[in-house]
Amino acid sequence: MKFGLDVATSGEWGDIRLLTELAVEAESAGWDGFFVWDVLLTAADIPVAEPWVTLTAIASATHRIRIGAMVTPLVRKQSWDVAKQAAAIDRLSDGRLTFGAGLGSGDAEFQRLGLPIDLRERAALMEQSLAEMDTIWRGGSASGGDLRQMPLPVQRPRVPVWLAAGWPRKRPLRRAALWDGVYLMTNNQETDERLRPDEVAEAVAFLRDARGSLDGFDVAANVETLNDADEGKSGNVNMAEAGATWTLELTPDTLDDHRRLIRRGPAR
């Protein structure tokens, strides 16, 4: 199993230079992934780092660690722009980008932007955008026009795509099963808590049935940040037994705690 960090980009973390420093520290400490939030607006007037510029800086400053935005709400993006940005970062990082997509958290941001808040409408727009990006990354032309883009990503046939999902809602898992991975997020839709290992196992079983096989498919589970290394290792063992291929530790409440978590390294 691999170990990553799910990193805030607002407030104390709303500085691109700081986030780049943290990514370099994470790589040195042995983490496998450094994934930043893709947030545009917040409820308060606090700094928010632009995620794709942040990933560009991180790609230039690191050499091994896997990177990406977890997750991008495609309802507020143009597919061809995102495909171009992602291909550029994939090339800059020598093929270390994972693309995470989701419907977005809550309705407030979309209401303020005048975008759809209906989840089914947002899901349909996401599916259309992903199909167009897939075509572009493979060297084809999307939307019926001449939208071929060069250069293509390093990773072939395209940048791997993870979709956000939870449990027990099954429609998001069915969508994720069509791609390269799933990020099992914090909200399990019923208790508003992080998924337990037994719930992750149920989601994994559903995905296996939907796909026929989980070969080459990643299951990332976000986990509570644990200060005790032994307790963290035990929790990760449980997630591995449940079928997770990644755990992503959430950002602690303070920057000092986050630096301690990063320097501790993954609880292997």
Protein backbone atom coordinates (compact mmCIF):
# COMPACT_ATOMS: atom_id res chain seq x y z
CA MET A 1 0.00 0.00 0.00
CA LYS A 2 1.09 3.58 -0.70
CA PHE A 3 0.83 6.55 1.61
CA GLY A 4 -0.13 10.07 0.65
CA LEU A 5 -1.18 13.41 2.05
CA ASP A 6 -4.44 15.26 1.33
CA VAL A 7 -3.25 18.85 1.69
CA ALA A 8 -5.28 22.02 2.30
CA THR A 9 -4.68 25.05 0.07
CA SER A 10 -6.44 27.72 2.14
CA GLY A 11 -5.71 29.70 5.27
CA GLU A 12 -2.22 28.92 6.60
CA TRP A 13 -1.71 26.69 3.57
CA GLY A 14 -2.76 29.33 1.02
CA ASP A 15 0.79 30.06 -0.13
CA ILE A 16 2.32 28.31 -3.13
CA ARG A 17 5.89 28.57 -1.84
CA LEU A 18 4.90 26.98 1.47
CA LEU A 19 3.03 24.14 -0.23
CA THR A 20 6.05 23.48 -2.44
CA GLU A 21 8.30 23.35 0.63
CA LEU A 22 5.93 20.88 2.29
CA ALA A 23 5.92 18.69 -0.83
CA VAL A 24 9.72 18.61 -0.87
CA GLU A 25 9.74 17.68 2.84
CA ALA A 26 7.15 14.96 2.19
CA GLU A 27 9.23 13.44 -0.59
CA SER A 28 12.33 13.46 1.64
CA ALA A 29 10.37 11.82 4.48
CA GLY A 30 9.28 8.91 2.28
CA TRP A 31 5.65 9.78 1.46
CA ASP A 32 4.35 8.42 -1.84
CA GLY A 33 1.86 11.15 -2.75
CA PHE A 34 1.16 14.85 -2.17
CA PHE A 35 -2.32 15.86 -3.30
CA VAL A 36 -3.64 19.40 -2.94
CA TRP A 37 -7.20 20.67 -2.72
CA ASP A 38 -8.83 22.28 -5.75
CA VAL A 39 -10.79 25.06 -4.03
CA LEU A 40 -11.81 28.37 -5.58
CA LEU A 41 -13.99 30.11 -2.98
CA THR A 42 -14.23 29.84 0.79
CA ALA A 43 -16.83 31.01 3.27
CA ALA A 44 -14.41 33.60 4.71
CA ASP A 45 -11.96 35.98 3.09
CA ILE A 46 -8.85 33.85 3.56
CA PRO A 47 -5.99 33.10 1.15
CA VAL A 48 -6.54 30.21 -1.28
CA ALA A 49 -3.64 28.91 -3.39
CA GLU A 50 -4.35 28.22 -7.07
CA PRO A 51 -3.97 24.42 -7.27
CA TRP A 52 -2.66 24.06 -10.82
CA VAL A 53 0.02 26.71 -10.39
CA THR A 54 0.87 24.99 -7.10
CA LEU A 55 1.21 21.63 -8.86
CA THR A 56 3.48 23.22 -11.46
CA ALA A 57 5.80 24.47 -8.73
CA ILE A 58 5.71 21.12 -6.91
CA ALA A 59 6.40 19.18 -10.12
CA SER A 60 9.52 21.30 -10.69
CA ALA A 61 10.79 20.93 -7.12
CA THR A 62 10.23 17.18 -6.61
CA HIS A 63 11.45 14.05 -8.37
CA ARG A 64 9.64 10.94 -7.08
CA ILE A 65 6.44 11.73 -5.22
CA ARG A 66 3.09 11.38 -6.98
CA ILE A 67 1.09 14.60 -7.24
CA GLY A 68 -2.40 15.79 -8.13
CA ALA A 69 -5.44 17.81 -7.10
CA MET A 70 -7.96 15.96 -4.95
CA VAL A 71 -10.43 16.69 -6.32
CA THR A 72 -11.28 18.98 -9.25
CA PRO A 73 -14.97 19.87 -9.72
CA LEU A 74 -15.14 19.81 -13.52
CA VAL A 75 -18.43 21.72 -13.52
CA ARG A 76 -16.41 24.94 -13.19
CA LYS A 77 -13.73 24.02 -15.75
CA GLN A 78 -13.44 23.74 -19.52
CA SER A 79 -12.35 20.23 -20.42
CA TRP A 80 -9.81 21.27 -23.05
CA ASP A 81 -8.15 23.74 -20.66
CA VAL A 82 -7.87 21.12 -17.91
CA ALA A 83 -6.57 18.51 -20.38
CA LYS A 84 -3.86 20.93 -21.53
CA GLN A 85 -2.85 21.90 -17.99
CA ALA A 86 -2.75 18.30 -16.83
CA ALA A 87 -0.70 17.15 -19.82
CA ALA A 88 1.81 19.96 -19.19
CA ILE A 89 2.19 19.05 -15.50
CA ASP A 90 2.46 15.35 -16.36
CA ARG A 91 5.33 16.14 -18.69
CA LEU A 92 6.98 18.50 -16.23
CA SER A 93 6.81 15.83 -13.51
CA ASP A 94 7.98 13.00 -15.82
CA GLY A 95 4.65 11.20 -15.54
CA ARG A 96 3.78 11.62 -11.84
CA LEU A 97 0.33 13.23 -12.12
CA THR A 98 -2.93 11.62 -11.00
CA PHE A 99 -6.09 13.48 -12.00
CA GLY A 100 -8.83 13.52 -9.37
CA ALA A 101 -12.37 14.54 -10.31
CA GLY A 102 -15.53 15.03 -8.30
CA LEU A 103 -18.81 16.87 -8.10
CA GLY A 104 -17.61 19.39 -5.52
CA SER A 105 -18.37 19.76 -1.84
CA GLY A 106 -21.65 21.43 -0.97
CA ASP A 107 -23.62 23.96 -2.99
CA ALA A 108 -22.38 27.34 -1.72
CA GLU A 109 -19.47 27.73 -4.16
CA PHE A 110 -21.61 26.80 -7.16
CA GLN A 111 -24.44 29.10 -6.12
CA ARG A 112 -22.02 32.02 -5.84
CA LEU A 113 -20.64 31.23 -9.29
CA GLY A 114 -24.04 30.74 -10.89
CA LEU A 115 -23.27 27.09 -11.70
CA PRO A 116 -25.58 24.05 -11.43
CA ILE A 117 -26.19 22.77 -7.92
CA ASP A 118 -28.19 19.70 -8.94
CA LEU A 119 -25.92 16.69 -8.40
CA ARG A 120 -27.23 14.75 -11.40
CA GLU A 121 -26.60 17.72 -13.69
CA ARG A 122 -23.10 18.19 -12.29
CA ALA A 123 -22.43 14.46 -12.69
CA ALA A 124 -23.50 14.55 -16.35
CA LEU A 125 -21.23 17.53 -17.01
CA MET A 126 -18.33 15.77 -15.27
CA GLU A 127 -18.82 12.61 -17.35
CA GLN A 128 -18.88 14.64 -20.57
CA SER A 129 -15.72 16.54 -19.58
CA LEU A 130 -13.86 13.36 -18.64
CA ALA A 131 -14.76 11.73 -21.94
CA GLU A 132 -13.46 14.76 -23.84
CA MET A 133 -10.25 14.88 -21.76
CA ASP A 134 -9.68 11.17 -22.32
CA THR A 135 -9.96 11.67 -26.08
CA ILE A 136 -7.58 14.65 -26.03
CA TRP A 137 -5.00 12.84 -23.87
CA ARG A 138 -5.05 9.90 -26.28
CA GLY A 139 -4.29 12.23 -29.20
CA GLY A 140 -7.80 12.51 -30.58
CA SER A 141 -10.09 15.45 -31.23
CA ALA A 142 -12.88 16.17 -28.73
CA SER A 143 -16.29 17.88 -29.04
CA GLY A 144 -16.52 17.18 -32.76
CA GLY A 145 -14.03 19.92 -33.56
CA ASP A 146 -10.31 20.18 -34.16
CA LEU A 147 -9.20 20.19 -30.52
CA ARG A 148 -6.13 18.00 -30.83
CA GLN A 149 -3.44 19.13 -28.41
CA MET A 150 0.30 18.61 -28.36
CA PRO A 151 2.35 17.60 -26.55
CA LEU A 152 0.53 14.63 -25.08
CA PRO A 153 0.99 13.45 -21.48
CA VAL A 154 3.96 11.23 -20.65
CA GLN A 155 1.67 8.56 -19.19
CA ARG A 156 -0.05 6.40 -21.78
CA PRO A 157 -2.71 5.93 -22.81
CA ARG A 158 -3.51 8.96 -20.63
CA VAL A 159 -3.15 10.51 -17.19
CA PRO A 160 -4.74 8.13 -14.63
CA VAL A 161 -8.10 9.33 -13.34
CA TRP A 162 -9.50 8.83 -9.84
CA LEU A 163 -13.10 9.77 -9.05
CA ALA A 164 -14.36 10.82 -5.65
CA ALA A 165 -16.95 8.56 -4.04
CA GLY A 166 -18.17 7.31 -0.70
CA TRP A 167 -20.28 4.49 0.70
CA PRO A 168 -23.07 3.36 0.60
CA ARG A 169 -23.98 5.55 -2.42
CA LYS A 170 -23.38 3.31 -5.42
CA ARG A 171 -23.80 5.59 -8.44
CA PRO A 172 -20.48 7.45 -7.80
CA LEU A 173 -18.74 4.07 -7.40
CA ARG A 174 -20.14 2.87 -10.73
CA ARG A 175 -18.71 6.01 -12.37
CA ALA A 176 -15.34 5.50 -10.69
CA ALA A 177 -15.23 1.86 -11.81
CA LEU A 178 -14.99 3.06 -15.42
CA TRP A 179 -11.68 4.85 -14.75
CA ASP A 180 -8.39 4.13 -12.96
CA GLY A 181 -9.18 4.60 -9.31
CA VAL A 182 -11.48 5.90 -6.62
CA TYR A 183 -10.89 8.29 -3.76
CA LEU A 184 -13.17 7.21 -0.91
CA MET A 185 -13.78 10.53 0.73
CA THR A 186 -14.66 11.68 4.24
CA ASN A 187 -18.44 11.69 4.05
CA ASN A 188 -20.15 8.29 4.05
CA GLN A 189 -23.49 10.10 3.38
CA GLU A 190 -25.12 8.78 6.53
CA THR A 191 -22.99 9.52 9.58
CA ASP A 192 -20.77 12.29 8.14
CA GLU A 193 -17.71 10.39 9.31
CA ARG A 194 -14.68 8.89 7.62
CA LEU A 195 -15.21 5.44 6.24
CA ARG A 196 -14.27 2.56 8.51
CA PRO A 197 -12.19 -0.33 7.14
CA ASP A 198 -15.28 -2.56 6.98
CA GLU A 199 -17.08 0.09 4.89
CA VAL A 200 -14.04 0.39 2.62
CA ALA A 201 -14.12 -3.40 2.20
CA GLU A 202 -17.79 -3.22 1.18
CA ALA A 203 -17.01 -0.48 -1.36
CA VAL A 204 -14.08 -2.52 -2.71
CA ALA A 205 -16.31 -5.59 -3.13
CA PHE A 206 -18.85 -3.50 -5.03
CA LEU A 207 -16.12 -2.08 -7.30
CA ARG A 208 -14.73 -5.56 -7.97
CA ASP A 209 -18.17 -6.75 -9.04
CA ALA A 210 -18.67 -3.66 -11.22
CA ARG A 211 -15.30 -4.01 -12.96
CA GLY A 212 -14.82 -7.76 -12.90
CA SER A 213 -11.28 -7.20 -11.61
CA LEU A 214 -9.41 -4.56 -9.64
CA ASP A 215 -6.11 -5.20 -11.43
CA GLY A 216 -4.53 -1.84 -12.18
CA PHE A 217 -7.23 0.00 -10.22
CA ASP A 218 -6.38 2.18 -7.21
CA VAL A 219 -8.53 2.49 -4.09
CA ALA A 220 -7.52 5.49 -1.98
CA ALA A 221 -9.10 5.96 1.44
CA ASN A 222 -8.76 9.14 3.42
CA VAL A 223 -7.90 8.55 7.04
CA GLU A 224 -7.83 10.49 10.27
CA THR A 225 -4.41 11.91 10.98
CA LEU A 226 -2.91 9.96 13.87
CA ASN A 227 -0.16 11.30 16.08
CA ASP A 228 0.99 7.94 17.36
CA ALA A 229 3.05 6.10 14.75
CA ASP A 230 2.10 2.63 16.01
CA GLU A 231 -1.61 3.45 16.02
CA GLY A 232 -1.26 4.90 12.53
CA LYS A 233 0.45 1.74 11.32
CA SER A 234 -2.33 -0.41 12.75
CA GLY A 235 -4.99 1.69 11.03
CA ASN A 236 -3.18 1.45 7.72
CA VAL A 237 -2.90 -2.33 8.05
CA ASN A 238 -6.67 -2.48 8.47
CA MET A 239 -7.19 -0.35 5.36
CA ALA A 240 -4.80 -2.54 3.38
CA GLU A 241 -6.70 -5.65 4.48
CA ALA A 242 -9.92 -3.92 3.38
CA GLY A 243 -8.48 -3.55 -0.12
CA ALA A 244 -7.15 0.02 -0.15
CA THR A 245 -4.05 0.59 -2.28
CA TRP A 246 -3.53 4.11 -0.90
CA THR A 247 -4.27 5.93 2.33
CA LEU A 248 -4.35 9.74 2.25
CA GLU A 249 -3.91 11.49 5.59
CA LEU A 250 -5.91 14.66 6.08
CA THR A 251 -4.38 18.02 6.96
CA PRO A 252 -4.20 18.58 10.75
CA ASP A 253 -5.61 21.71 12.37
CA THR A 254 -2.33 23.63 12.53
CA LEU A 255 0.66 24.06 10.24
CA ASP A 256 3.04 23.02 13.03
CA ASP A 257 1.17 19.73 13.45
CA HIS A 258 1.25 19.22 9.70
CA ARG A 259 5.01 19.66 9.55
CA ARG A 260 5.38 17.12 12.37
CA LEU A 261 3.15 14.66 10.50
CA ILE A 262 5.11 15.11 7.29
CA ARG A 263 8.50 14.75 8.95
CA ARG A 264 7.30 11.65 10.85
CA GLY A 265 6.85 9.96 7.50
CA PRO A 266 4.29 7.32 6.58
CA ALA A 267 3.42 4.70 9.21
CA ARG A 268 4.49 1.69 7.15
